C-alpha atoms as a PDB file:
ATOM      1  CA  VAL A   1       0.000   0.000   0.000  1.00  0.00           C
ATOM      2  CA  ASP A   2       1.548   3.267  -1.049  1.00  0.00           C
ATOM      3  CA  ASN A   3       1.161   6.563   0.779  1.00  0.00           C
ATOM      4  CA  GLU A   4      -1.581   7.972  -1.499  1.00  0.00           C
ATOM      5  CA  ASP A   5      -3.830   4.933  -1.016  1.00  0.00           C
ATOM      6  CA  ALA A   6      -3.297   5.069   2.748  1.00  0.00           C
ATOM      7  CA  ASN A   7      -4.217   8.756   2.822  1.00  0.00           C
ATOM      8  CA  ALA A   8      -7.339   8.135   0.722  1.00  0.00           C
ATOM      9  CA  MET A   9      -8.434   5.289   2.991  1.00  0.00           C
ATOM     10  CA  PHE A  10      -7.782   7.409   6.080  1.00  0.00           C
ATOM     11  CA  GLY A  11      -9.865  10.224   4.560  1.00  0.00           C
ATOM     12  CA  VAL A  12     -12.770   7.878   3.815  1.00  0.00           C
ATOM     13  CA  ILE A  13     -12.673   6.519   7.368  1.00  0.00           C
ATOM     14  CA  LEU A  14     -12.692  10.051   8.795  1.00  0.00           C
ATOM     15  CA  VAL A  15     -15.639  11.080   6.601  1.00  0.00           C
ATOM     16  CA  LEU A  16     -17.593   8.007   7.740  1.00  0.00           C
ATOM     17  CA  CYS A  17     -16.826   8.890  11.375  1.00  0.00           C
ATOM     18  CA  GLU A  18     -17.966  12.473  10.786  1.00  0.00           C
ATOM     19  CA  VAL A  19     -21.231  11.367   9.191  1.00  0.00           C
ATOM     20  CA  THR A  20     -21.905   8.916  12.030  1.00  0.00           C
ATOM     21  CA  LEU A  21     -21.217  11.484  14.743  1.00  0.00           C
ATOM     22  CA  SER A  22     -23.258  14.075  12.870  1.00  0.00           C
ATOM     23  CA  GLY A  23     -26.192  11.666  12.761  1.00  0.00           C
ATOM     24  CA  PHE A  24     -26.027  11.041  16.505  1.00  0.00           C
ATOM     25  CA  ALA A  25     -25.739  14.779  17.176  1.00  0.00           C
ATOM     26  CA  SER A  26     -28.748  15.434  14.938  1.00  0.00           C
ATOM     27  CA  ILE A  27     -30.866  12.904  16.774  1.00  0.00           C
ATOM     28  CA  TYR A  28     -29.930  14.397  20.138  1.00  0.00           C
ATOM     29  CA  PHE A  29     -30.547  17.949  18.914  1.00  0.00           C
ATOM     30  CA  GLU A  30     -33.926  16.941  17.476  1.00  0.00           C
ATOM     31  CA  LYS A  31     -34.860  15.472  20.860  1.00  0.00           C
ATOM     32  CA  VAL A  32     -33.779  18.668  22.619  1.00  0.00           C
ATOM     33  CA  ILE A  33     -35.812  20.851  20.257  1.00  0.00           C
ATOM     34  CA  LYS A  34     -38.980  18.782  19.960  1.00  0.00           C
ATOM     35  CA  VAL A  35     -39.280  17.473  23.538  1.00  0.00           C
ATOM     36  CA  ASP A  36     -38.255  20.715  25.243  1.00  0.00           C
ATOM     37  CA  PRO A  37     -40.611  21.369  28.179  1.00  0.00           C
ATOM     38  CA  GLU A  38     -39.563  25.026  28.316  1.00  0.00           C
ATOM     39  CA  LYS A  39     -40.220  25.571  24.564  1.00  0.00           C
ATOM     40  CA  LEU A  40     -37.068  27.625  24.046  1.00  0.00           C
ATOM     41  CA  THR A  41     -36.445  29.275  20.682  1.00  0.00           C
ATOM     42  CA  ILE A  42     -33.943  27.832  18.218  1.00  0.00           C
ATOM     43  CA  TRP A  43     -31.489  30.622  19.157  1.00  0.00           C
ATOM     44  CA  GLU A  44     -31.718  29.827  22.858  1.00  0.00           C
ATOM     45  CA  ASN A  45     -31.218  26.105  22.218  1.00  0.00           C
ATOM     46  CA  ASN A  46     -28.174  26.762  20.022  1.00  0.00           C
ATOM     47  CA  PHE A  47     -26.709  29.063  22.662  1.00  0.00           C
ATOM     48  CA  ASN A  48     -27.294  26.535  25.456  1.00  0.00           C
ATOM     49  CA  LEU A  49     -25.698  23.688  23.490  1.00  0.00           C
ATOM     50  CA  ALA A  50     -22.742  25.812  22.348  1.00  0.00           C
ATOM     51  CA  LEU A  51     -22.094  27.096  25.860  1.00  0.00           C
ATOM     52  CA  GLY A  52     -20.678  23.711  26.837  1.00  0.00           C
ATOM     53  CA  SER A  53     -17.846  24.074  24.330  1.00  0.00           C
ATOM     54  CA  VAL A  54     -16.651  27.447  25.654  1.00  0.00           C
ATOM     55  CA  PRO A  55     -14.582  26.039  28.576  1.00  0.00           C
ATOM     56  CA  ILE A  56     -12.954  23.497  26.267  1.00  0.00           C
ATOM     57  CA  TYR A  57     -11.969  26.148  23.723  1.00  0.00           C
ATOM     58  CA  LEU A  58     -10.732  28.480  26.458  1.00  0.00           C
ATOM     59  CA  ALA A  59      -8.550  25.697  27.870  1.00  0.00           C
ATOM     60  CA  PHE A  60      -6.972  25.118  24.443  1.00  0.00           C
ATOM     61  CA  ILE A  61      -6.441  28.859  23.928  1.00  0.00           C
ATOM     62  CA  MET A  62      -4.788  29.252  27.310  1.00  0.00           C
ATOM     63  CA  TYR A  63      -2.622  26.176  26.779  1.00  0.00           C
ATOM     64  CA  GLU A  64      -1.418  27.305  23.344  1.00  0.00           C
ATOM     65  CA  GLY A  65      -1.165  31.000  24.255  1.00  0.00           C
ATOM     66  CA  GLY A  66      -2.363  32.008  20.817  1.00  0.00           C
ATOM     67  CA  GLY A  67       0.324  30.040  19.014  1.00  0.00           C
ATOM     68  CA  LYS A  68       3.258  31.569  17.151  1.00  0.00           C
ATOM     69  CA  THR A  69       1.178  34.163  15.302  1.00  0.00           C
ATOM     70  CA  GLY A  70      -0.882  35.313  18.294  1.00  0.00           C
ATOM     71  CA  PHE A  71      -4.630  35.420  18.719  1.00  0.00           C
ATOM     72  CA  GLY A  72      -6.394  35.751  15.385  1.00  0.00           C
ATOM     73  CA  GLY A  73      -3.062  35.606  13.526  1.00  0.00           C
ATOM     74  CA  GLY A  74      -3.117  33.979  10.133  1.00  0.00           C
ATOM     75  CA  TRP A  75      -6.805  34.735   9.542  1.00  0.00           C
ATOM     76  CA  SER A  76      -7.477  36.257   6.133  1.00  0.00           C
ATOM     77  CA  HIS A  77     -10.706  37.766   4.842  1.00  0.00           C
ATOM     78  CA  VAL A  78     -11.486  34.445   3.159  1.00  0.00           C
ATOM     79  CA  THR A  79     -10.988  32.580   6.450  1.00  0.00           C
ATOM     80  CA  VAL A  80     -13.394  34.904   8.251  1.00  0.00           C
ATOM     81  CA  LEU A  81     -15.941  34.542   5.437  1.00  0.00           C
ATOM     82  CA  LEU A  82     -15.724  30.740   5.525  1.00  0.00           C
ATOM     83  CA  SER A  83     -16.105  30.768   9.297  1.00  0.00           C
ATOM     84  CA  LEU A  84     -19.254  32.903   9.035  1.00  0.00           C
ATOM     85  CA  LEU A  85     -20.643  30.652   6.300  1.00  0.00           C
ATOM     86  CA  ALA A  86     -20.063  27.584   8.492  1.00  0.00           C
ATOM     87  CA  ALA A  87     -21.881  29.274  11.377  1.00  0.00           C
ATOM     88  CA  GLY A  88     -24.770  30.122   9.060  1.00  0.00           C
ATOM     89  CA  GLY A  89     -24.819  26.521   7.871  1.00  0.00           C
ATOM     90  CA  GLY A  90     -25.116  25.386  11.474  1.00  0.00           C
ATOM     91  CA  LEU A  91     -28.172  27.588  11.935  1.00  0.00           C
ATOM     92  CA  LEU A  92     -29.705  26.198   8.743  1.00  0.00           C
ATOM     93  CA  VAL A  93     -29.124  22.672  10.030  1.00  0.00           C
ATOM     94  CA  ALA A  94     -30.865  23.592  13.286  1.00  0.00           C
ATOM     95  CA  LEU A  95     -33.842  24.980  11.381  1.00  0.00           C
ATOM     96  CA  SER A  96     -34.041  21.917   9.135  1.00  0.00           C
ATOM     97  CA  ILE A  97     -34.124  19.680  12.211  1.00  0.00           C
ATOM     98  CA  LYS A  98     -36.753  21.855  13.895  1.00  0.00           C
ATOM     99  CA  TYR A  99     -39.100  21.807  10.914  1.00  0.00           C
ATOM    100  CA  GLY A 100     -38.027  18.467   9.442  1.00  0.00           C
ATOM    101  CA  ASP A 101     -36.287  15.648  11.217  1.00  0.00           C
ATOM    102  CA  SER A 102     -32.814  14.252  11.739  1.00  0.00           C
ATOM    103  CA  ILE A 103     -33.219  11.694   8.961  1.00  0.00           C
ATOM    104  CA  LEU A 104     -33.870  14.472   6.439  1.00  0.00           C
ATOM    105  CA  LYS A 105     -30.804  16.363   7.693  1.00  0.00           C
ATOM    106  CA  THR A 106     -28.586  13.255   7.530  1.00  0.00           C
ATOM    107  CA  LEU A 107     -29.749  12.502   3.977  1.00  0.00           C
ATOM    108  CA  ALA A 108     -28.998  16.079   2.946  1.00  0.00           C
ATOM    109  CA  THR A 109     -25.555  15.944   4.550  1.00  0.00           C
ATOM    110  CA  SER A 110     -24.758  12.621   2.888  1.00  0.00           C
ATOM    111  CA  GLY A 111     -25.915  13.965  -0.464  1.00  0.00           C
ATOM    112  CA  GLY A 112     -23.708  17.020  -0.019  1.00  0.00           C
ATOM    113  CA  ILE A 113     -20.680  14.833   0.709  1.00  0.00           C
ATOM    114  CA  VAL A 114     -21.324  12.602  -2.309  1.00  0.00           C
ATOM    115  CA  LEU A 115     -21.770  15.555  -4.656  1.00  0.00           C
END
């Protein structure tokens, strides 16, 4: 097995892991949205779920100290745009789960990967 085949196989395995984890996350998020006794809005649910990642990210930032380029170093206008587009995509996923279901979202994600 040469290096290119190994990298391709590794990439396929990682994509399959991502799709599997995304499916589980979608099912959990659908449960949170549709069985919510408090009937929070989609924005409040997203904020509550994202709040758990803040301590983890802060720990990594403090450990790395901003890296060699400092905080925000190496970010171009394209990087900022792609980051904003990814955040917008996350909100669209949340809306598709709220008004559809996790199966519909997983099928759309799989179709996007195949295309």
